[in-house]
Amino acid sequence: MENISWPEFEKVEMRVGTILEVHDFPEARNPAYQLTIDFGSDLGIRKTSAQITKRYQKEDLLNRQIVAVVNFPKKQIGKFMSECLVLGAVGVNGDVILLAPDFKIENGLQIG
């Protein structure tokens, strides 16, 4: 593991958002969902895909708060444009557990 400096870490913009929509993503190489996430009035609505189908059903994700990196460049995934990166802990078998606040908080709050 390579160490990073504090100024490098400060460049990573992690924010809390609420999942508004979840759709299957059959075109993805690995099973995934397409997510629409509300990051509050400053950042607005962003879309992304997430390989979280092993642990989460679509209905379990609706209105759930998550943590995501919001300042990566957009990434084209097939015909879909990903605008952020949802964060999660990845287990040995690729099972992802989403990072989320313990309590309902304001969308867009920064993780620091």
PDB file of N, CA and C in Angstrom:
ATOM      1  N   MET A   1       0.846  -1.170   0.000  1.00  0.00           N
ATOM      2  CA  MET A   1       0.000   0.000   0.000  1.00  0.00           C
ATOM      3  C   MET A   1       0.894   1.236   0.000  1.00  0.00           C
ATOM      4  N   GLU A   2       0.553   2.160  -0.857  1.00  0.00           N
ATOM      5  CA  GLU A   2       1.321   3.405  -0.969  1.00  0.00           C
ATOM      6  C   GLU A   2       0.670   4.488  -0.111  1.00  0.00           C
ATOM      7  N   ASN A   3       1.478   5.191   0.650  1.00  0.00           N
ATOM      8  CA  ASN A   3       0.965   6.304   1.456  1.00  0.00           C
ATOM      9  C   ASN A   3       0.671   7.503   0.574  1.00  0.00           C
ATOM     10  N   ILE A   4      -0.353   8.279   0.966  1.00  0.00           N
ATOM     11  CA  ILE A   4      -0.646   9.530   0.274  1.00  0.00           C
ATOM     12  C   ILE A   4      -0.489  10.661   1.284  1.00  0.00           C
ATOM     13  N   SER A   5      -0.319  11.852   0.757  1.00  0.00           N
ATOM     14  CA  SER A   5      -0.174  13.016   1.637  1.00  0.00           C
ATOM     15  C   SER A   5      -1.556  13.547   2.024  1.00  0.00           C
ATOM     16  N   TRP A   6      -1.597  14.358   3.074  1.00  0.00           N
ATOM     17  CA  TRP A   6      -2.852  14.972   3.485  1.00  0.00           C
ATOM     18  C   TRP A   6      -3.457  15.826   2.367  1.00  0.00           C
ATOM     19  N   PRO A   7      -2.663  16.639   1.661  1.00  0.00           N
ATOM     20  CA  PRO A   7      -3.242  17.417   0.551  1.00  0.00           C
ATOM     21  C   PRO A   7      -3.846  16.528  -0.547  1.00  0.00           C
ATOM     22  N   GLU A   8      -3.259  15.354  -0.790  1.00  0.00           N
ATOM     23  CA  GLU A   8      -3.839  14.437  -1.776  1.00  0.00           C
ATOM     24  C   GLU A   8      -5.200  13.930  -1.295  1.00  0.00           C
ATOM     25  N   PHE A   9      -5.300  13.565  -0.023  1.00  0.00           N
ATOM     26  CA  PHE A   9      -6.564  13.094   0.542  1.00  0.00           C
ATOM     27  C   PHE A   9      -7.631  14.185   0.478  1.00  0.00           C
ATOM     28  N   GLU A  10      -7.249  15.419   0.747  1.00  0.00           N
ATOM     29  CA  GLU A  10      -8.205  16.522   0.738  1.00  0.00           C
ATOM     30  C   GLU A  10      -8.820  16.758  -0.637  1.00  0.00           C
ATOM     31  N   LYS A  11      -8.182  16.272  -1.685  1.00  0.00           N
ATOM     32  CA  LYS A  11      -8.719  16.409  -3.038  1.00  0.00           C
ATOM     33  C   LYS A  11      -9.900  15.473  -3.296  1.00  0.00           C
ATOM     34  N   VAL A  12     -10.017  14.395  -2.513  1.00  0.00           N
ATOM     35  CA  VAL A  12     -11.094  13.430  -2.707  1.00  0.00           C
ATOM     36  C   VAL A  12     -12.366  13.972  -2.070  1.00  0.00           C
ATOM     37  N   GLU A  13     -13.373  14.199  -2.886  1.00  0.00           N
ATOM     38  CA  GLU A  13     -14.636  14.782  -2.446  1.00  0.00           C
ATOM     39  C   GLU A  13     -15.646  13.652  -2.213  1.00  0.00           C
ATOM     40  N   MET A  14     -15.827  13.276  -0.944  1.00  0.00           N
ATOM     41  CA  MET A  14     -16.789  12.232  -0.580  1.00  0.00           C
ATOM     42  C   MET A  14     -18.007  12.896   0.030  1.00  0.00           C
ATOM     43  N   ARG A  15     -19.179  12.519  -0.474  1.00  0.00           N
ATOM     44  CA  ARG A  15     -20.421  13.147  -0.014  1.00  0.00           C
ATOM     45  C   ARG A  15     -21.480  12.093   0.272  1.00  0.00           C
ATOM     46  N   VAL A  16     -22.436  12.471   1.112  1.00  0.00           N
ATOM     47  CA  VAL A  16     -23.581  11.630   1.415  1.00  0.00           C
ATOM     48  C   VAL A  16     -24.686  11.920   0.409  1.00  0.00           C
ATOM     49  N   GLY A  17     -25.316  10.866  -0.085  1.00  0.00           N
ATOM     50  CA  GLY A  17     -26.442  11.017  -0.997  1.00  0.00           C
ATOM     51  C   GLY A  17     -27.508   9.979  -0.717  1.00  0.00           C
ATOM     52  N   THR A  18     -28.702  10.211  -1.256  1.00  0.00           N
ATOM     53  CA  THR A  18     -29.819   9.283  -1.094  1.00  0.00           C
ATOM     54  C   THR A  18     -30.177   8.690  -2.454  1.00  0.00           C
ATOM     55  N   ILE A  19     -30.291   7.372  -2.497  1.00  0.00           N
ATOM     56  CA  ILE A  19     -30.635   6.680  -3.743  1.00  0.00           C
ATOM     57  C   ILE A  19     -32.112   6.905  -4.054  1.00  0.00           C
ATOM     58  N   LEU A  20     -32.374   7.474  -5.230  1.00  0.00           N
ATOM     59  CA  LEU A  20     -33.743   7.771  -5.657  1.00  0.00           C
ATOM     60  C   LEU A  20     -34.313   6.711  -6.586  1.00  0.00           C
ATOM     61  N   GLU A  21     -33.459   6.140  -7.437  1.00  0.00           N
ATOM     62  CA  GLU A  21     -33.897   5.147  -8.425  1.00  0.00           C
ATOM     63  C   GLU A  21     -32.859   4.047  -8.530  1.00  0.00           C
ATOM     64  N   VAL A  22     -33.338   2.827  -8.787  1.00  0.00           N
ATOM     65  CA  VAL A  22     -32.470   1.671  -8.993  1.00  0.00           C
ATOM     66  C   VAL A  22     -33.012   0.891 -10.179  1.00  0.00           C
ATOM     67  N   HIS A  23     -32.135   0.613 -11.145  1.00  0.00           N
ATOM     68  CA  HIS A  23     -32.524  -0.157 -12.331  1.00  0.00           C
ATOM     69  C   HIS A  23     -31.499  -1.251 -12.578  1.00  0.00           C
ATOM     70  N   ASP A  24     -31.967  -2.360 -13.144  1.00  0.00           N
ATOM     71  CA  ASP A  24     -31.039  -3.405 -13.572  1.00  0.00           C
ATOM     72  C   ASP A  24     -30.129  -2.839 -14.655  1.00  0.00           C
ATOM     73  N   PHE A  25     -28.942  -3.396 -14.768  1.00  0.00           N
ATOM     74  CA  PHE A  25     -27.968  -2.964 -15.779  1.00  0.00           C
ATOM     75  C   PHE A  25     -27.486  -4.203 -16.535  1.00  0.00           C
ATOM     76  N   PRO A  26     -28.345  -4.768 -17.401  1.00  0.00           N
ATOM     77  CA  PRO A  26     -28.004  -6.026 -18.077  1.00  0.00           C
ATOM     78  C   PRO A  26     -26.806  -5.928 -19.021  1.00  0.00           C
ATOM     79  N   GLU A  27     -26.469  -4.724 -19.473  1.00  0.00           N
ATOM     80  CA  GLU A  27     -25.323  -4.563 -20.389  1.00  0.00           C
ATOM     81  C   GLU A  27     -23.983  -4.603 -19.674  1.00  0.00           C
ATOM     82  N   ALA A  28     -23.971  -4.503 -18.373  1.00  0.00           N
ATOM     83  CA  ALA A  28     -22.713  -4.501 -17.610  1.00  0.00           C
ATOM     84  C   ALA A  28     -22.031  -5.866 -17.698  1.00  0.00           C
ATOM     85  N   ARG A  29     -20.696  -5.863 -17.686  1.00  0.00           N
ATOM     86  CA  ARG A  29     -19.923  -7.116 -17.722  1.00  0.00           C
ATOM     87  C   ARG A  29     -20.195  -7.976 -16.503  1.00  0.00           C
ATOM     88  N   ASN A  30     -20.259  -7.341 -15.346  1.00  0.00           N
ATOM     89  CA  ASN A  30     -20.568  -8.024 -14.089  1.00  0.00           C
ATOM     90  C   ASN A  30     -21.927  -7.532 -13.610  1.00  0.00           C
ATOM     91  N   PRO A  31     -22.685  -8.375 -12.907  1.00  0.00           N
ATOM     92  CA  PRO A  31     -24.009  -7.944 -12.438  1.00  0.00           C
ATOM     93  C   PRO A  31     -23.929  -6.622 -11.682  1.00  0.00           C
ATOM     94  N   ALA A  32     -24.798  -5.689 -12.059  1.00  0.00           N
ATOM     95  CA  ALA A  32     -24.758  -4.348 -11.472  1.00  0.00           C
ATOM     96  C   ALA A  32     -26.134  -3.698 -11.563  1.00  0.00           C
ATOM     97  N   TYR A  33     -26.285  -2.635 -10.794  1.00  0.00           N
ATOM     98  CA  TYR A  33     -27.464  -1.776 -10.870  1.00  0.00           C
ATOM     99  C   TYR A  33     -27.039  -0.404 -11.366  1.00  0.00           C
ATOM    100  N   GLN A  34     -27.965   0.284 -12.005  1.00  0.00           N
ATOM    101  CA  GLN A  34     -27.808   1.700 -12.300  1.00  0.00           C
ATOM    102  C   GLN A  34     -28.533   2.461 -11.200  1.00  0.00           C
ATOM    103  N   LEU A  35     -27.845   3.413 -10.582  1.00  0.00           N
ATOM    104  CA  LEU A  35     -28.399   4.167  -9.460  1.00  0.00           C
ATOM    105  C   LEU A  35     -28.518   5.643  -9.821  1.00  0.00           C
ATOM    106  N   THR A  36     -29.589   6.267  -9.375  1.00  0.00           N
ATOM    107  CA  THR A  36     -29.759   7.710  -9.449  1.00  0.00           C
ATOM    108  C   THR A  36     -29.737   8.201  -8.005  1.00  0.00           C
ATOM    109  N   ILE A  37     -28.825   9.148  -7.702  1.00  0.00           N
ATOM    110  CA  ILE A  37     -28.562   9.550  -6.325  1.00  0.00           C
ATOM    111  C   ILE A  37     -28.700  11.064  -6.174  1.00  0.00           C
ATOM    112  N   ASP A  38     -29.378  11.480  -5.114  1.00  0.00           N
ATOM    113  CA  ASP A  38     -29.542  12.904  -4.795  1.00  0.00           C
ATOM    114  C   ASP A  38     -28.457  13.319  -3.807  1.00  0.00           C
ATOM    115  N   PHE A  39     -27.595  14.253  -4.231  1.00  0.00           N
ATOM    116  CA  PHE A  39     -26.528  14.775  -3.378  1.00  0.00           C
ATOM    117  C   PHE A  39     -26.830  16.183  -2.864  1.00  0.00           C
ATOM    118  N   GLY A  40     -28.080  16.571  -2.848  1.00  0.00           N
ATOM    119  CA  GLY A  40     -28.457  17.869  -2.299  1.00  0.00           C
ATOM    120  C   GLY A  40     -28.420  18.981  -3.319  1.00  0.00           C
ATOM    121  N   SER A  41     -28.767  20.181  -2.867  1.00  0.00           N
ATOM    122  CA  SER A  41     -28.934  21.312  -3.784  1.00  0.00           C
ATOM    123  C   SER A  41     -27.640  21.765  -4.443  1.00  0.00           C
ATOM    124  N   ASP A  42     -26.495  21.638  -3.791  1.00  0.00           N
ATOM    125  CA  ASP A  42     -25.232  22.094  -4.388  1.00  0.00           C
ATOM    126  C   ASP A  42     -24.762  21.182  -5.526  1.00  0.00           C
ATOM    127  N   LEU A  43     -24.860  19.870  -5.335  1.00  0.00           N
ATOM    128  CA  LEU A  43     -24.363  18.910  -6.330  1.00  0.00           C
ATOM    129  C   LEU A  43     -25.462  18.350  -7.213  1.00  0.00           C
ATOM    130  N   GLY A  44     -26.676  18.291  -6.697  1.00  0.00           N
ATOM    131  CA  GLY A  44     -27.797  17.798  -7.487  1.00  0.00           C
ATOM    132  C   GLY A  44     -27.848  16.285  -7.604  1.00  0.00           C
ATOM    133  N   ILE A  45     -28.450  15.836  -8.693  1.00  0.00           N
ATOM    134  CA  ILE A  45     -28.677  14.418  -8.955  1.00  0.00           C
ATOM    135  C   ILE A  45     -27.539  13.883  -9.825  1.00  0.00           C
ATOM    136  N   ARG A  46     -27.008  12.724  -9.447  1.00  0.00           N
ATOM    137  CA  ARG A  46     -25.950  12.068 -10.232  1.00  0.00           C
ATOM    138  C   ARG A  46     -26.320  10.606 -10.426  1.00  0.00           C
ATOM    139  N   LYS A  47     -25.770  10.026 -11.502  1.00  0.00           N
ATOM    140  CA  LYS A  47     -26.005   8.613 -11.806  1.00  0.00           C
ATOM    141  C   LYS A  47     -24.700   7.836 -11.722  1.00  0.00           C
ATOM    142  N   THR A  48     -24.822   6.568 -11.397  1.00  0.00           N
ATOM    143  CA  THR A  48     -23.669   5.682 -11.365  1.00  0.00           C
ATOM    144  C   THR A  48     -24.139   4.248 -11.503  1.00  0.00           C
ATOM    145  N   SER A  49     -23.207   3.354 -11.709  1.00  0.00           N
ATOM    146  CA  SER A  49     -23.521   1.931 -11.648  1.00  0.00           C
ATOM    147  C   SER A  49     -22.735   1.342 -10.487  1.00  0.00           C
ATOM    148  N   ALA A  50     -23.270   0.271  -9.926  1.00  0.00           N
ATOM    149  CA  ALA A  50     -22.621  -0.351  -8.774  1.00  0.00           C
ATOM    150  C   ALA A  50     -22.836  -1.859  -8.815  1.00  0.00           C
ATOM    151  N   GLN A  51     -21.750  -2.586  -8.590  1.00  0.00           N
ATOM    152  CA  GLN A  51     -21.806  -4.048  -8.574  1.00  0.00           C
ATOM    153  C   GLN A  51     -22.146  -4.518  -7.159  1.00  0.00           C
ATOM    154  N   ILE A  52     -23.394  -4.316  -6.793  1.00  0.00           N
ATOM    155  CA  ILE A  52     -23.844  -4.596  -5.426  1.00  0.00           C
ATOM    156  C   ILE A  52     -25.020  -5.571  -5.406  1.00  0.00           C
ATOM    157  N   THR A  53     -25.178  -6.344  -6.481  1.00  0.00           N
ATOM    158  CA  THR A  53     -26.342  -7.226  -6.605  1.00  0.00           C
ATOM    159  C   THR A  53     -26.255  -8.468  -5.723  1.00  0.00           C
ATOM    160  N   LYS A  54     -25.072  -8.830  -5.245  1.00  0.00           N
ATOM    161  CA  LYS A  54     -24.947 -10.023  -4.394  1.00  0.00           C
ATOM    162  C   LYS A  54     -25.641  -9.838  -3.052  1.00  0.00           C
ATOM    163  N   ARG A  55     -25.593  -8.652  -2.513  1.00  0.00           N
ATOM    164  CA  ARG A  55     -26.100  -8.408  -1.168  1.00  0.00           C
ATOM    165  C   ARG A  55     -27.409  -7.607  -1.161  1.00  0.00           C
ATOM    166  N   TYR A  56     -27.641  -6.778  -2.172  1.00  0.00           N
ATOM    167  CA  TYR A  56     -28.767  -5.839  -2.131  1.00  0.00           C
ATOM    168  C   TYR A  56     -29.783  -6.124  -3.233  1.00  0.00           C
ATOM    169  N   GLN A  57     -31.056  -6.073  -2.855  1.00  0.00           N
ATOM    170  CA  GLN A  57     -32.158  -6.099  -3.808  1.00  0.00           C
ATOM    171  C   GLN A  57     -32.504  -4.645  -4.138  1.00  0.00           C
ATOM    172  N   LYS A  58     -33.059  -4.424  -5.320  1.00  0.00           N
ATOM    173  CA  LYS A  58     -33.380  -3.060  -5.739  1.00  0.00           C
ATOM    174  C   LYS A  58     -34.241  -2.332  -4.718  1.00  0.00           C
ATOM    175  N   GLU A  59     -35.272  -2.998  -4.220  1.00  0.00           N
ATOM    176  CA  GLU A  59     -36.189  -2.333  -3.287  1.00  0.00           C
ATOM    177  C   GLU A  59     -35.514  -1.973  -1.961  1.00  0.00           C
ATOM    178  N   ASP A  60     -34.446  -2.703  -1.597  1.00  0.00           N
ATOM    179  CA  ASP A  60     -33.709  -2.400  -0.363  1.00  0.00           C
ATOM    180  C   ASP A  60     -32.860  -1.134  -0.491  1.00  0.00           C
ATOM    181  N   LEU A  61     -32.568  -0.741  -1.714  1.00  0.00           N
ATOM    182  CA  LEU A  61     -31.683   0.402  -1.953  1.00  0.00           C
ATOM    183  C   LEU A  61     -32.425   1.735  -2.044  1.00  0.00           C
ATOM    184  N   LEU A  62     -33.702   1.699  -2.384  1.00  0.00           N
ATOM    185  CA  LEU A  62     -34.470   2.934  -2.530  1.00  0.00           C
ATOM    186  C   LEU A  62     -34.506   3.709  -1.221  1.00  0.00           C
ATOM    187  N   ASN A  63     -34.216   5.004  -1.320  1.00  0.00           N
ATOM    188  CA  ASN A  63     -34.208   5.944  -0.187  1.00  0.00           C
ATOM    189  C   ASN A  63     -33.115   5.657   0.837  1.00  0.00           C
ATOM    190  N   ARG A  64     -32.163   4.826   0.485  1.00  0.00           N
ATOM    191  CA  ARG A  64     -31.037   4.509   1.364  1.00  0.00           C
ATOM    192  C   ARG A  64     -29.944   5.557   1.160  1.00  0.00           C
ATOM    193  N   GLN A  65     -29.349   6.025   2.246  1.00  0.00           N
ATOM    194  CA  GLN A  65     -28.223   6.955   2.127  1.00  0.00           C
ATOM    195  C   GLN A  65     -26.925   6.172   1.961  1.00  0.00           C
ATOM    196  N   ILE A  66     -26.043   6.727   1.148  1.00  0.00           N
ATOM    197  CA  ILE A  66     -24.755   6.105   0.856  1.00  0.00           C
ATOM    198  C   ILE A  66     -23.667   7.179   0.877  1.00  0.00           C
ATOM    199  N   VAL A  67     -22.419   6.739   0.752  1.00  0.00           N
ATOM    200  CA  VAL A  67     -21.280   7.645   0.614  1.00  0.00           C
ATOM    201  C   VAL A  67     -20.670   7.398  -0.756  1.00  0.00           C
ATOM    202  N   ALA A  68     -20.332   8.476  -1.460  1.00  0.00           N
ATOM    203  CA  ALA A  68     -19.753   8.349  -2.795  1.00  0.00           C
ATOM    204  C   ALA A  68     -18.689   9.417  -3.031  1.00  0.00           C
ATOM    205  N   VAL A  69     -17.744   9.096  -3.903  1.00  0.00           N
ATOM    206  CA  VAL A  69     -16.780  10.079  -4.388  1.00  0.00           C
ATOM    207  C   VAL A  69     -17.451  10.783  -5.564  1.00  0.00           C
ATOM    208  N   VAL A  70     -17.501  12.116  -5.500  1.00  0.00           N
ATOM    209  CA  VAL A  70     -18.249  12.875  -6.511  1.00  0.00           C
ATOM    210  C   VAL A  70     -17.364  13.715  -7.426  1.00  0.00           C
ATOM    211  N   ASN A  71     -16.043  13.659  -7.251  1.00  0.00           N
ATOM    212  CA  ASN A  71     -15.189  14.494  -8.104  1.00  0.00           C
ATOM    213  C   ASN A  71     -14.256  13.701  -9.017  1.00  0.00           C
ATOM    214  N   PHE A  72     -14.628  12.457  -9.331  1.00  0.00           N
ATOM    215  CA  PHE A  72     -13.938  11.728 -10.395  1.00  0.00           C
ATOM    216  C   PHE A  72     -14.466  12.233 -11.731  1.00  0.00           C
ATOM    217  N   PRO A  73     -13.674  12.106 -12.798  1.00  0.00           N
ATOM    218  CA  PRO A  73     -14.234  12.410 -14.121  1.00  0.00           C
ATOM    219  C   PRO A  73     -15.347  11.426 -14.455  1.00  0.00           C
ATOM    220  N   LYS A  74     -16.300  11.866 -15.261  1.00  0.00           N
ATOM    221  CA  LYS A  74     -17.357  10.955 -15.715  1.00  0.00           C
ATOM    222  C   LYS A  74     -16.722   9.784 -16.458  1.00  0.00           C
ATOM    223  N   LYS A  75     -17.372   8.611 -16.367  1.00  0.00           N
ATOM    224  CA  LYS A  75     -16.838   7.405 -17.008  1.00  0.00           C
ATOM    225  C   LYS A  75     -17.944   6.730 -17.811  1.00  0.00           C
ATOM    226  N   GLN A  76     -17.662   6.487 -19.086  1.00  0.00           N
ATOM    227  CA  GLN A  76     -18.609   5.812 -19.964  1.00  0.00           C
ATOM    228  C   GLN A  76     -18.538   4.309 -19.706  1.00  0.00           C
ATOM    229  N   ILE A  77     -19.683   3.705 -19.385  1.00  0.00           N
ATOM    230  CA  ILE A  77     -19.772   2.264 -19.183  1.00  0.00           C
ATOM    231  C   ILE A  77     -20.843   1.771 -20.152  1.00  0.00           C
ATOM    232  N   GLY A  78     -20.410   1.284 -21.312  1.00  0.00           N
ATOM    233  CA  GLY A  78     -21.359   0.939 -22.366  1.00  0.00           C
ATOM    234  C   GLY A  78     -22.067   2.195 -22.818  1.00  0.00           C
ATOM    235  N   LYS A  79     -23.389   2.173 -22.819  1.00  0.00           N
ATOM    236  CA  LYS A  79     -24.183   3.346 -23.199  1.00  0.00           C
ATOM    237  C   LYS A  79     -24.505   4.230 -21.998  1.00  0.00           C
ATOM    238  N   PHE A  80     -23.990   3.866 -20.831  1.00  0.00           N
ATOM    239  CA  PHE A  80     -24.321   4.549 -19.580  1.00  0.00           C
ATOM    240  C   PHE A  80     -23.146   5.417 -19.127  1.00  0.00           C
ATOM    241  N   MET A  81     -23.440   6.632 -18.639  1.00  0.00           N
ATOM    242  CA  MET A  81     -22.408   7.537 -18.147  1.00  0.00           C
ATOM    243  C   MET A  81     -22.449   7.570 -16.625  1.00  0.00           C
ATOM    244  N   SER A  82     -21.358   7.124 -15.994  1.00  0.00           N
ATOM    245  CA  SER A  82     -21.255   7.128 -14.536  1.00  0.00           C
ATOM    246  C   SER A  82     -20.686   8.471 -14.095  1.00  0.00           C
ATOM    247  N   GLU A  83     -21.341   9.091 -13.078  1.00  0.00           N
ATOM    248  CA  GLU A  83     -20.976  10.432 -12.641  1.00  0.00           C
ATOM    249  C   GLU A  83     -20.424  10.498 -11.220  1.00  0.00           C
ATOM    250  N   CYS A  84     -20.322   9.362 -10.548  1.00  0.00           N
ATOM    251  CA  CYS A  84     -19.765   9.307  -9.201  1.00  0.00           C
ATOM    252  C   CYS A  84     -19.393   7.859  -8.894  1.00  0.00           C
ATOM    253  N   LEU A  85     -18.764   7.625  -7.753  1.00  0.00           N
ATOM    254  CA  LEU A  85     -18.347   6.280  -7.352  1.00  0.00           C
ATOM    255  C   LEU A  85     -18.878   5.989  -5.954  1.00  0.00           C
ATOM    256  N   VAL A  86     -19.825   5.069  -5.862  1.00  0.00           N
ATOM    257  CA  VAL A  86     -20.374   4.655  -4.579  1.00  0.00           C
ATOM    258  C   VAL A  86     -19.312   3.840  -3.849  1.00  0.00           C
ATOM    259  N   LEU A  87     -19.135   4.109  -2.555  1.00  0.00           N
ATOM    260  CA  LEU A  87     -18.099   3.436  -1.777  1.00  0.00           C
ATOM    261  C   LEU A  87     -18.662   2.275  -0.971  1.00  0.00           C
ATOM    262  N   GLY A  88     -17.858   1.216  -0.884  1.00  0.00           N
ATOM    263  CA  GLY A  88     -18.243   0.055  -0.102  1.00  0.00           C
ATOM    264  C   GLY A  88     -17.029  -0.774   0.247  1.00  0.00           C
ATOM    265  N   ALA A  89     -17.195  -1.597   1.247  1.00  0.00           N
ATOM    266  CA  ALA A  89     -16.149  -2.539   1.640  1.00  0.00           C
ATOM    267  C   ALA A  89     -16.327  -3.792   0.787  1.00  0.00           C
ATOM    268  N   VAL A  90     -15.224  -4.272   0.192  1.00  0.00           N
ATOM    269  CA  VAL A  90     -15.281  -5.410  -0.719  1.00  0.00           C
ATOM    270  C   VAL A  90     -14.726  -6.646  -0.028  1.00  0.00           C
ATOM    271  N   GLY A  91     -15.574  -7.682   0.099  1.00  0.00           N
ATOM    272  CA  GLY A  91     -15.160  -8.939   0.705  1.00  0.00           C
ATOM    273  C   GLY A  91     -14.393  -9.814  -0.257  1.00  0.00           C
ATOM    274  N   VAL A  92     -13.957 -10.945   0.220  1.00  0.00           N
ATOM    275  CA  VAL A  92     -13.131 -11.886  -0.555  1.00  0.00           C
ATOM    276  C   VAL A  92     -13.822 -12.321  -1.846  1.00  0.00           C
ATOM    277  N   ASN A  93     -15.119 -12.541  -1.798  1.00  0.00           N
ATOM    278  CA  ASN A  93     -15.859 -13.020  -2.964  1.00  0.00           C
ATOM    279  C   ASN A  93     -16.476 -11.889  -3.785  1.00  0.00           C
ATOM    280  N   GLY A  94     -16.003 -10.664  -3.586  1.00  0.00           N
ATOM    281  CA  GLY A  94     -16.534  -9.529  -4.322  1.00  0.00           C
ATOM    282  C   GLY A  94     -17.858  -9.022  -3.785  1.00  0.00           C
ATOM    283  N   ASP A  95     -18.222  -9.479  -2.610  1.00  0.00           N
ATOM    284  CA  ASP A  95     -19.451  -9.044  -1.956  1.00  0.00           C
ATOM    285  C   ASP A  95     -19.224  -7.645  -1.390  1.00  0.00           C
ATOM    286  N   VAL A  96     -19.974  -6.653  -1.877  1.00  0.00           N
ATOM    287  CA  VAL A  96     -19.783  -5.260  -1.476  1.00  0.00           C
ATOM    288  C   VAL A  96     -20.806  -4.865  -0.419  1.00  0.00           C
ATOM    289  N   ILE A  97     -20.311  -4.277   0.672  1.00  0.00           N
ATOM    290  CA  ILE A  97     -21.167  -3.725   1.713  1.00  0.00           C
ATOM    291  C   ILE A  97     -21.033  -2.214   1.637  1.00  0.00           C
ATOM    292  N   LEU A  98     -22.130  -1.527   1.361  1.00  0.00           N
ATOM    293  CA  LEU A  98     -22.109  -0.083   1.159  1.00  0.00           C
ATOM    294  C   LEU A  98     -21.718   0.669   2.422  1.00  0.00           C
ATOM    295  N   LEU A  99     -20.958   1.759   2.239  1.00  0.00           N
ATOM    296  CA  LEU A  99     -20.659   2.673   3.337  1.00  0.00           C
ATOM    297  C   LEU A  99     -21.817   3.663   3.447  1.00  0.00           C
ATOM    298  N   ALA A 100     -22.259   3.903   4.678  1.00  0.00           N
ATOM    299  CA  ALA A 100     -23.416   4.760   4.884  1.00  0.00           C
ATOM    300  C   ALA A 100     -23.371   5.381   6.278  1.00  0.00           C
ATOM    301  N   PRO A 101     -23.999   6.557   6.439  1.00  0.00           N
ATOM    302  CA  PRO A 101     -24.077   7.148   7.780  1.00  0.00           C
ATOM    303  C   PRO A 101     -24.998   6.305   8.672  1.00  0.00           C
ATOM    304  N   ASP A 102     -24.762   6.364   9.971  1.00  0.00           N
ATOM    305  CA  ASP A 102     -25.593   5.638  10.934  1.00  0.00           C
ATOM    306  C   ASP A 102     -26.979   6.257  11.097  1.00  0.00           C
ATOM    307  N   PHE A 103     -27.084   7.568  10.846  1.00  0.00           N
ATOM    308  CA  PHE A 103     -28.335   8.279  11.025  1.00  0.00           C
ATOM    309  C   PHE A 103     -28.666   9.032   9.744  1.00  0.00           C
ATOM    310  N   LYS A 104     -29.938   9.293   9.501  1.00  0.00           N
ATOM    311  CA  LYS A 104     -30.349  10.080   8.341  1.00  0.00           C
ATOM    312  C   LYS A 104     -29.810  11.496   8.511  1.00  0.00           C
ATOM    313  N   ILE A 105     -29.055  11.948   7.498  1.00  0.00           N
ATOM    314  CA  ILE A 105     -28.478  13.288   7.537  1.00  0.00           C
ATOM    315  C   ILE A 105     -28.748  13.991   6.214  1.00  0.00           C
ATOM    316  N   GLU A 106     -28.360  15.237   6.142  1.00  0.00           N
ATOM    317  CA  GLU A 106     -28.592  16.057   4.957  1.00  0.00           C
ATOM    318  C   GLU A 106     -27.778  15.539   3.773  1.00  0.00           C
ATOM    319  N   ASN A 107     -28.448  15.400   2.614  1.00  0.00           N
ATOM    320  CA  ASN A 107     -27.739  15.026   1.390  1.00  0.00           C
ATOM    321  C   ASN A 107     -26.697  16.081   1.050  1.00  0.00           C
ATOM    322  N   GLY A 108     -25.551  15.620   0.597  1.00  0.00           N
ATOM    323  CA  GLY A 108     -24.492  16.524   0.174  1.00  0.00           C
ATOM    324  C   GLY A 108     -23.451  16.802   1.246  1.00  0.00           C
ATOM    325  N   LEU A 109     -23.712  16.362   2.491  1.00  0.00           N
ATOM    326  CA  LEU A 109     -22.701  16.605   3.521  1.00  0.00           C
ATOM    327  C   LEU A 109     -21.400  15.915   3.146  1.00  0.00           C
ATOM    328  N   GLN A 110     -20.314  16.601   3.407  1.00  0.00           N
ATOM    329  CA  GLN A 110     -18.983  16.113   3.040  1.00  0.00           C
ATOM    330  C   GLN A 110     -18.430  15.173   4.099  1.00  0.00           C
ATOM    331  N   ILE A 111     -17.763  14.130   3.649  1.00  0.00           N
ATOM    332  CA  ILE A 111     -17.051  13.220   4.532  1.00  0.00           C
ATOM    333  C   ILE A 111     -15.638  13.747   4.658  1.00  0.00           C
ATOM    334  N   GLY A 112     -15.139  13.840   5.876  1.00  0.00           N
ATOM    335  CA  GLY A 112     -13.806  14.401   6.046  1.00  0.00           C
ATOM    336  C   GLY A 112     -13.050  13.770   7.173  1.00  0.00           C
TER     337      GLY A 112
END
